[in-house]
Protein backbone atom coordinates (compact mmCIF):
# COMPACT_ATOMS: atom_id res chain seq x y z
CA GLN A 1 -2.71 9.62 -16.63
CA VAL A 2 -1.85 6.86 -14.17
CA GLN A 3 -4.46 4.28 -13.24
CA LEU A 4 -3.98 2.07 -10.21
CA VAL A 5 -5.89 -1.06 -9.25
CA GLU A 6 -5.43 -3.02 -6.04
CA SER A 7 -6.05 -6.70 -5.51
CA GLY A 8 -5.49 -9.34 -2.86
CA GLY A 9 -7.70 -8.08 -0.06
CA GLY A 10 -9.88 -10.41 1.93
CA LEU A 11 -10.59 -11.98 5.29
CA VAL A 12 -7.78 -13.47 7.33
CA GLN A 13 -7.36 -14.63 10.91
CA ALA A 14 -5.12 -12.79 13.33
CA GLY A 15 -1.53 -13.94 12.98
CA GLY A 16 -1.98 -14.78 9.34
CA SER A 17 -0.55 -13.19 6.22
CA LEU A 18 -1.96 -11.47 3.19
CA ARG A 19 -0.34 -10.09 0.07
CA LEU A 20 -1.75 -7.03 -1.65
CA SER A 21 -0.82 -6.06 -5.18
CA CYS A 22 -1.24 -2.85 -7.11
CA ALA A 23 -1.03 -2.74 -10.88
CA ALA A 24 -0.33 0.55 -12.62
CA SER A 25 -1.02 1.62 -16.16
CA GLY A 26 1.11 3.82 -18.36
CA ARG A 27 4.76 4.04 -19.23
CA THR A 28 5.86 6.32 -16.41
CA PHE A 29 5.53 4.04 -13.39
CA SER A 30 9.20 4.31 -12.47
CA ARG A 31 8.89 8.09 -12.14
CA TYR A 32 6.66 7.76 -9.10
CA ILE A 33 7.23 7.07 -5.48
CA MET A 34 4.61 4.51 -4.51
CA GLY A 35 2.82 4.34 -1.21
CA TRP A 36 0.28 2.26 0.66
CA PHE A 37 -2.32 3.86 2.89
CA ARG A 38 -5.21 2.50 4.89
CA GLN A 39 -8.43 3.84 6.31
CA ALA A 40 -10.49 2.21 9.04
CA PRO A 41 -14.14 3.14 9.67
CA GLY A 42 -14.43 6.48 11.45
CA LYS A 43 -10.73 7.21 11.17
CA GLU A 44 -8.54 9.31 8.92
CA ARG A 45 -6.55 7.78 6.13
CA GLU A 46 -3.10 6.91 7.42
CA PHE A 47 0.26 6.22 5.91
CA VAL A 48 1.44 2.61 5.92
CA ALA A 49 4.56 2.38 3.76
CA ASP A 50 6.27 3.80 0.72
CA ILE A 51 9.02 2.83 -1.67
CA SER A 52 11.39 4.91 -3.76
CA ARG A 53 11.37 5.06 -7.54
CA SER A 54 14.10 2.47 -7.92
CA GLY A 55 12.91 0.38 -5.02
CA GLY A 56 16.13 1.00 -3.13
CA SER A 57 14.57 2.75 -0.15
CA THR A 58 11.51 1.93 1.92
CA TYR A 59 9.80 3.52 4.89
CA TYR A 60 7.17 2.12 7.23
CA ALA A 61 4.79 3.44 9.80
CA ASP A 62 5.74 2.34 13.30
CA SER A 63 2.54 0.35 13.58
CA VAL A 64 3.54 -2.02 10.78
CA LYS A 65 7.33 -1.93 10.95
CA GLY A 66 8.76 -5.42 11.14
CA ARG A 67 5.52 -7.01 9.95
CA PHE A 68 4.83 -5.52 6.51
CA ILE A 69 7.10 -5.48 3.47
CA ILE A 70 6.63 -3.17 0.49
CA SER A 71 8.22 -3.98 -2.85
CA ARG A 72 7.94 -2.95 -6.48
CA ASP A 73 8.70 -4.34 -9.90
CA ASN A 74 9.11 -1.55 -12.41
CA ALA A 75 9.31 -4.00 -15.31
CA LYS A 76 5.81 -5.20 -14.44
CA ASN A 77 4.44 -1.86 -13.19
CA THR A 78 3.45 -3.36 -9.86
CA VAL A 79 3.88 -2.61 -6.18
CA ASP A 80 3.10 -5.15 -3.49
CA LEU A 81 2.48 -5.09 0.22
CA LEU A 82 3.18 -8.31 2.08
CA MET A 83 1.42 -8.22 5.42
CA ASN A 84 2.57 -10.68 8.07
CA SER A 85 1.46 -11.27 11.65
CA LEU A 86 -1.79 -9.49 11.00
CA LYS A 87 -3.73 -8.00 13.88
CA PRO A 88 -7.41 -7.02 14.14
CA GLU A 89 -6.35 -3.37 14.24
CA ASP A 90 -4.96 -3.79 10.72
CA THR A 91 -8.53 -4.05 9.46
CA ALA A 92 -9.09 -1.26 6.94
CA VAL A 93 -9.48 -0.40 3.31
CA TYR A 94 -6.01 -0.38 1.80
CA TYR A 95 -5.09 1.98 -1.01
CA CYS A 96 -2.06 2.22 -3.23
CA ALA A 97 -1.05 5.66 -4.41
CA ALA A 98 1.54 7.41 -6.54
CA THR A 99 3.37 10.68 -6.04
CA ILE A 100 6.14 12.47 -7.87
CA VAL A 101 7.26 14.33 -4.74
CA ALA A 102 8.25 12.45 -1.60
CA THR A 103 5.56 12.90 1.03
CA MET A 104 3.66 11.11 3.77
CA VAL A 105 0.65 13.39 3.43
CA PRO A 106 -2.23 11.60 1.67
CA THR A 107 -3.60 14.75 0.05
CA ARG A 108 -0.32 15.32 -1.75
CA TYR A 109 -0.42 12.02 -3.61
CA ASP A 110 -1.39 12.42 -7.23
CA TYR A 111 -3.08 9.12 -8.08
CA TRP A 112 -5.06 6.59 -6.08
CA GLY A 113 -6.49 3.16 -6.56
CA GLN A 114 -10.04 2.29 -5.55
CA GLY A 115 -8.94 0.39 -2.49
CA THR A 116 -9.24 -3.19 -1.30
CA GLN A 117 -10.80 -4.36 1.96
CA VAL A 118 -8.65 -6.20 4.47
CA THR A 119 -10.44 -7.72 7.44
CA VAL A 120 -8.54 -9.43 10.24
CA SER A 121 -10.58 -11.54 12.61
CA SER A 122 -9.58 -12.24 16.20
């Protein structure tokens, strides 16, 4: 029912910034908690950040806390991830996802985008 598409990935030097966007279809965007996940080669998909339905609450993985900012615009059906002070270890495919129930477990998210590659060079 919900389709998600990410954009904004690319190649950036360490210390730089990149802004990812996720556009959602449908009329029920505000019903979902939105999250960002990432997966590096040979590693499991990991939680990055999420944001509540109204946008009033956010939560970040320790690895990105203080560097990344998640935001949403329910009027536009979008959720963004602003990534600052990027490090080579941030290199991964980044996915946006939607869930009705609050969770940090990837398998419990209901909808996923196709992902966008972020590569940080040293």
